[in-house]
Protein backbone atom coordinates (compact mmCIF):
# COMPACT_ATOMS: atom_id res chain seq x y z
CA MET A 1 -135.03 28.99 59.71
CA THR A 2 -132.03 29.29 57.39
CA SER A 3 -131.95 32.32 55.12
CA SER A 4 -133.28 31.75 51.63
CA PRO A 5 -130.76 31.18 48.84
CA PRO A 6 -130.68 33.37 45.76
CA VAL A 7 -133.18 32.56 43.05
CA LYS A 8 -131.81 29.89 40.75
CA ARG A 9 -132.70 30.40 37.10
CA PHE A 10 -132.59 27.81 34.39
CA ASP A 11 -129.06 27.40 33.05
CA TRP A 12 -129.36 26.99 29.29
CA SER A 13 -125.60 26.35 28.98
CA ASN A 14 -125.93 22.88 30.52
CA LEU A 15 -129.02 21.84 28.55
CA GLY A 16 -127.05 19.17 26.69
CA LEU A 17 -125.82 17.70 29.97
CA ARG A 18 -129.35 17.66 31.35
CA VAL A 19 -130.67 15.89 28.27
CA ALA A 20 -127.85 13.33 28.37
CA SER A 21 -128.50 12.59 32.05
CA ALA A 22 -132.22 12.17 31.42
CA ALA A 23 -131.51 9.90 28.44
CA VAL A 24 -129.64 7.51 30.75
CA ILE A 25 -131.84 7.66 33.85
CA GLY A 26 -135.23 7.63 32.11
CA PRO A 27 -134.87 4.36 30.15
CA ALA A 28 -133.31 2.62 33.16
CA ALA A 29 -136.26 3.57 35.36
CA LEU A 30 -138.78 2.55 32.69
CA ALA A 31 -137.11 -0.82 32.13
CA ALA A 32 -136.97 -1.63 35.84
CA ALA A 33 -140.61 -0.64 36.33
CA TRP A 34 -141.76 -2.62 33.30
CA PHE A 35 -140.02 -5.88 34.19
CA GLY A 36 -140.43 -5.55 37.96
CA GLY A 37 -139.03 -8.21 40.26
CA TRP A 38 -135.87 -7.88 42.30
CA PRO A 39 -134.14 -5.41 39.91
CA TYR A 40 -137.04 -3.02 40.49
CA LEU A 41 -136.79 -3.48 44.25
CA VAL A 42 -133.03 -2.90 44.12
CA LEU A 43 -133.55 0.30 42.13
CA ILE A 44 -136.04 1.57 44.72
CA ALA A 45 -133.67 0.66 47.55
CA ILE A 46 -130.82 2.54 45.87
CA GLY A 47 -133.08 5.53 45.32
CA VAL A 48 -134.15 5.50 48.97
CA ALA A 49 -130.52 5.42 50.10
CA LEU A 50 -129.57 8.33 47.84
CA LEU A 51 -132.59 10.38 48.92
CA ALA A 52 -131.71 9.72 52.56
CA ILE A 53 -128.15 10.91 51.95
CA GLU A 54 -129.44 14.12 50.40
CA TRP A 55 -131.91 14.57 53.25
CA GLY A 56 -129.14 14.16 55.81
CA GLY A 57 -127.00 16.70 53.98
CA MET A 58 -129.80 19.27 53.96
CA THR A 59 -131.12 18.80 57.48
CA ALA A 60 -127.98 17.91 59.45
CA PRO A 61 -124.92 19.37 57.71
CA VAL A 62 -122.83 18.91 60.86
CA ALA A 63 -123.38 15.14 60.99
CA PRO A 64 -125.29 14.09 57.86
CA THR A 65 -124.26 10.43 57.92
CA ARG A 66 -126.16 9.61 61.09
CA VAL A 67 -129.40 11.14 59.87
CA ALA A 68 -129.02 9.62 56.40
CA ALA A 69 -128.43 6.15 57.83
CA VAL A 70 -131.40 6.22 60.19
CA VAL A 71 -133.76 7.65 57.54
CA ALA A 72 -132.67 5.08 54.95
CA ALA A 73 -133.01 2.19 57.41
CA ALA A 74 -136.45 3.36 58.53
CA VAL A 75 -137.79 3.69 54.98
CA LEU A 76 -136.31 0.40 53.79
CA ILE A 77 -137.90 -1.50 56.66
CA SER A 78 -141.30 -0.41 55.39
CA VAL A 79 -140.38 -1.09 51.75
CA PHE A 80 -139.19 -4.63 52.40
CA ILE A 81 -142.22 -5.47 54.53
CA GLY A 82 -144.47 -4.17 51.75
CA TYR A 83 -142.62 -6.10 49.08
CA ARG A 84 -143.48 -9.29 50.97
CA GLY A 85 -147.17 -8.33 50.69
CA ASP A 86 -147.75 -7.22 54.29
CA TYR A 87 -148.90 -3.70 53.46
CA GLY A 88 -150.85 -3.13 56.65
CA TRP A 89 -147.71 -3.77 58.66
CA ALA A 90 -145.66 -1.72 56.19
CA TRP A 91 -147.79 1.40 56.65
CA GLY A 92 -147.74 0.95 60.40
CA ALA A 93 -143.96 0.64 60.32
CA ILE A 94 -143.65 4.10 58.76
CA GLY A 95 -145.01 5.80 61.87
CA LEU A 96 -142.97 3.69 64.27
CA THR A 97 -139.69 4.07 62.40
CA ALA A 98 -140.24 7.81 61.94
CA ALA A 99 -140.51 8.16 65.70
CA GLY A 100 -137.38 6.07 66.11
CA ALA A 101 -135.52 8.24 63.60
CA ALA A 102 -136.35 11.34 65.62
CA VAL A 103 -134.93 9.75 68.76
CA VAL A 104 -131.70 8.67 67.06
CA ALA A 105 -131.24 12.09 65.45
CA ARG A 106 -131.52 14.04 68.72
CA GLY A 107 -128.75 16.60 68.99
CA VAL A 108 -127.61 16.06 65.39
CA ALA A 109 -130.29 17.38 63.04
CA GLU A 110 -131.39 21.03 63.18
CA ARG A 111 -134.46 19.58 64.84
CA PRO A 112 -134.95 15.87 65.68
CA THR A 113 -138.29 16.01 63.93
CA ASP A 114 -136.47 16.74 60.66
CA ALA A 115 -135.26 13.13 60.58
CA ALA A 116 -138.77 11.87 61.30
CA PHE A 117 -140.16 14.08 58.54
CA GLY A 118 -137.60 12.62 56.15
CA VAL A 119 -139.09 9.18 56.78
CA LEU A 120 -142.64 10.47 56.37
CA TYR A 121 -141.63 12.25 53.17
CA ILE A 122 -139.81 9.38 51.44
CA ALA A 123 -141.45 6.19 52.74
CA PRO A 124 -145.04 6.62 51.41
CA ALA A 125 -143.77 7.24 47.89
CA ALA A 126 -141.39 4.28 48.02
CA LEU A 127 -144.07 1.98 49.40
CA CYS A 128 -146.59 3.11 46.77
CA LEU A 129 -144.04 2.40 44.04
CA VAL A 130 -143.75 -1.17 45.31
CA TRP A 131 -147.49 -1.70 45.69
CA LEU A 132 -148.49 -0.14 42.38
CA ARG A 133 -146.15 -2.40 40.41
CA GLN A 134 -147.49 -5.51 42.17
CA THR A 135 -151.12 -4.85 41.21
CA ASP A 136 -152.79 -6.34 38.15
CA GLN A 137 -151.50 -4.52 35.05
CA GLY A 138 -148.99 -2.85 37.36
CA ALA A 139 -146.49 -2.36 34.55
CA TRP A 140 -149.02 -0.31 32.56
CA TRP A 141 -149.96 1.76 35.59
CA MET A 142 -146.28 2.51 36.16
CA MET A 143 -145.90 3.60 32.53
CA MET A 144 -148.88 5.91 32.94
CA LEU A 145 -147.35 7.32 36.11
CA PHE A 146 -144.06 8.14 34.41
CA ALA A 147 -145.73 9.46 31.26
CA ALA A 148 -148.11 11.79 33.11
CA THR A 149 -145.41 13.01 35.50
CA TRP A 150 -142.95 13.78 32.72
CA ALA A 151 -145.69 15.37 30.62
CA ALA A 152 -146.59 17.67 33.50
CA ASP A 153 -142.95 18.75 33.90
CA ILE A 154 -142.32 19.24 30.19
CA GLY A 155 -145.66 20.94 29.55
CA ALA A 156 -145.18 23.32 32.47
CA PHE A 157 -141.67 24.24 31.34
CA ALA A 158 -142.56 24.65 27.65
CA VAL A 159 -145.71 26.71 28.17
CA GLY A 160 -144.30 28.71 31.08
CA SER A 161 -141.13 29.58 29.16
CA THR A 162 -143.15 30.62 26.12
CA LEU A 163 -146.05 32.54 27.65
CA LYS A 164 -144.55 33.58 30.99
CA GLY A 165 -147.02 35.78 32.88
CA PRO A 166 -147.92 35.98 36.60
CA LYS A 167 -145.86 33.93 39.03
CA LEU A 168 -147.42 30.86 40.64
CA TRP A 169 -145.75 31.04 44.08
CA PRO A 170 -142.94 33.59 43.98
CA ARG A 171 -142.01 33.20 47.64
CA PHE A 172 -140.73 29.65 47.17
CA SER A 173 -140.42 29.12 43.42
CA PRO A 174 -139.95 32.43 41.61
CA ASN A 175 -139.52 30.90 38.15
CA LYS A 176 -142.85 29.05 37.96
CA THR A 177 -145.85 30.73 36.35
CA TRP A 178 -149.58 30.19 36.19
CA SER A 179 -149.33 29.64 32.45
CA GLY A 180 -146.85 26.83 33.06
CA PHE A 181 -149.13 25.37 35.71
CA VAL A 182 -152.06 25.21 33.28
CA GLY A 183 -149.82 23.88 30.52
CA GLY A 184 -148.54 21.10 32.76
CA LEU A 185 -152.05 20.07 33.78
CA ALA A 186 -153.20 20.03 30.16
CA ALA A 187 -150.24 17.90 29.08
CA ALA A 188 -150.71 15.37 31.90
CA THR A 189 -154.46 15.14 31.20
CA ALA A 190 -153.82 14.54 27.51
CA VAL A 191 -151.29 11.80 28.26
CA GLY A 192 -153.78 10.11 30.57
CA ALA A 193 -156.37 10.10 27.81
CA ILE A 194 -153.84 8.70 25.34
CA MET A 195 -153.05 5.82 27.71
CA ALA A 196 -156.73 4.85 27.66
CA SER A 197 -156.47 4.31 23.89
CA LEU A 198 -153.96 1.48 24.33
CA PRO A 199 -155.77 -1.85 23.79
CA ALA A 200 -153.78 -3.62 26.51
CA PHE A 201 -154.64 -1.03 29.19
CA ARG A 202 -158.06 -1.55 30.76
CA LEU A 203 -159.18 1.97 31.66
CA ASN A 204 -161.83 4.17 30.09
CA LEU A 205 -161.11 7.57 28.59
CA LEU A 206 -162.78 9.73 31.22
CA ALA A 207 -161.15 7.93 34.14
CA ALA A 208 -157.74 8.01 32.47
CA ALA A 209 -158.00 11.73 31.69
CA PHE A 210 -159.01 12.48 35.28
CA ILE A 211 -156.13 10.41 36.64
CA GLY A 212 -153.72 12.22 34.32
CA PHE A 213 -155.04 15.55 35.61
CA ALA A 214 -154.70 14.45 39.25
CA VAL A 215 -151.19 13.11 38.69
CA GLY A 216 -150.19 16.34 36.94
CA LEU A 217 -151.54 18.38 39.84
CA ALA A 218 -149.67 16.20 42.33
CA THR A 219 -146.46 16.46 40.29
CA MET A 220 -146.44 20.24 40.44
CA ALA A 221 -147.47 20.23 44.11
CA GLY A 222 -144.50 17.99 44.88
CA ASP A 223 -142.17 20.30 42.99
CA LEU A 224 -143.41 23.33 44.92
CA TRP A 225 -143.19 21.44 48.22
CA GLU A 226 -139.56 20.56 47.62
CA SER A 227 -138.82 24.18 46.68
CA ALA A 228 -140.25 25.22 50.04
CA ILE A 229 -138.11 22.63 51.82
CA LYS A 230 -134.94 23.81 50.09
CA ARG A 231 -135.75 27.39 51.02
CA ARG A 232 -136.24 26.32 54.62
CA PHE A 233 -132.79 24.77 54.78
CA GLY A 234 -131.11 27.43 52.63
CA VAL A 235 -129.93 25.22 49.75
CA LYS A 236 -130.22 25.65 45.99
CA ASP A 237 -130.25 21.93 45.18
CA SER A 238 -130.79 18.83 47.26
CA GLY A 239 -127.42 17.54 46.02
CA ASP A 240 -125.20 17.22 42.96
CA LEU A 241 -125.68 13.56 42.06
CA ILE A 242 -127.14 14.02 38.57
CA PRO A 243 -125.06 16.11 36.13
CA GLY A 244 -126.97 19.20 35.03
CA HIS A 245 -129.94 18.42 37.28
CA GLY A 246 -128.76 18.65 40.89
CA GLY A 247 -129.77 16.01 43.39
CA LEU A 248 -132.06 13.01 42.99
CA LEU A 249 -134.71 14.72 45.09
CA ASP A 250 -134.68 17.60 42.61
CA ARG A 251 -135.67 15.11 39.90
CA VAL A 252 -138.22 12.96 41.73
CA ASP A 253 -139.92 15.55 43.94
CA GLY A 254 -143.00 15.58 41.72
CA LEU A 255 -142.97 11.81 41.27
CA MET A 256 -143.02 11.31 45.04
CA PHE A 257 -146.36 13.08 45.30
CA ALA A 258 -147.66 11.74 41.99
CA VAL A 259 -147.18 8.05 42.85
CA VAL A 260 -149.27 8.42 46.02
CA VAL A 261 -152.11 9.92 43.97
CA MET A 262 -151.71 7.23 41.30
CA ALA A 263 -151.80 4.51 43.96
CA ALA A 264 -155.02 5.99 45.35
CA ALA A 265 -156.51 6.00 41.85
CA ARG A 266 -155.45 2.39 41.33
CA LEU A 267 -157.05 1.41 44.63
CA ALA A 268 -160.29 3.11 43.57
CA ASN A 269 -160.05 1.27 40.26
CA GLN A 270 -159.75 -2.06 42.10
CA TRP A 271 -162.89 -1.18 44.04
CA GLY A 272 -164.84 -0.87 40.80
CA TRP A 273 -164.17 2.65 39.48
CA HIS A 274 -163.27 2.19 35.82
C-alpha cells in the first residue's frame, strides 16, 4: 500500500474558483438530466471516460492509458446496452467486462484487480443514472437525486465547519466530523420532504423524507469511500480536471453511491411503495 498523503485542508483562498466551477457544471448536469435523450447519454459517456482516466492515473501511474482505456470501454459497454433497454444483459456485462479488464491490465496496474475494481466502482452508478432517467417521472427523480446529494454535501460542510467536534473517521478523512455528518443527513432529509410537496412529483412525504435520508447517507459513505481509495494509492486528489475542486471523482464520489440507493428506492416505488 502506498504511504498516505498529508491531510488536505479546505483552501479558502480558492473558494471563488470553486463556486465558479460549480456554477458551470451544476446547471449543465441538471439540464442534461432534465431533458434526457442523447445529450444525457453523451454526458454520461464523457463522465465515464474522464473517471476512467483518473482511475488509470491513480492505479497505474506507470502506464495509465492502458488501464483507463480498458476501464472506460468496459463501463461503456454496459451503459450502451442498458440505454437500449436490455438491463439484465447490462448488469451481466459488468461482471464479464470487469474480469476482462483485469486480464488486460496484468503487469500494468499495481494489481490487475485494480482495473476490475474500477469497472465495478464506476459501472453500477453509470448504469443507474441511465435507468433512473428512463423511468416514469425520471426527470423528477433525477432532480431529487441531485438536490439531496448537494444538500448532504452543503449541510455537512456548513454544520461541520460551524460546530466542529469529534472526527467522523480520522484515519481516512481527518476533516469530517460527526456534527457535519448529522447536518448532512438532516439537510438531505429535509430536501426529500420538500420534493414531496411539488404537485408534479408523485411521492408521499414520509417516503420522500426517508429517501432523502438514505441518499444523504449514501452520499457521505461515497465520499468516505473515495477518501479511503485515495489514501490507498497515496494521492490527494483523483485529478485536476475541475478548477478549485480537483478531479471529477472528487466531485461525484458521493453521487456514485447515492444514485444506486436512489435507483433502489425508485424500483421499490415501482413495486408499489409510495
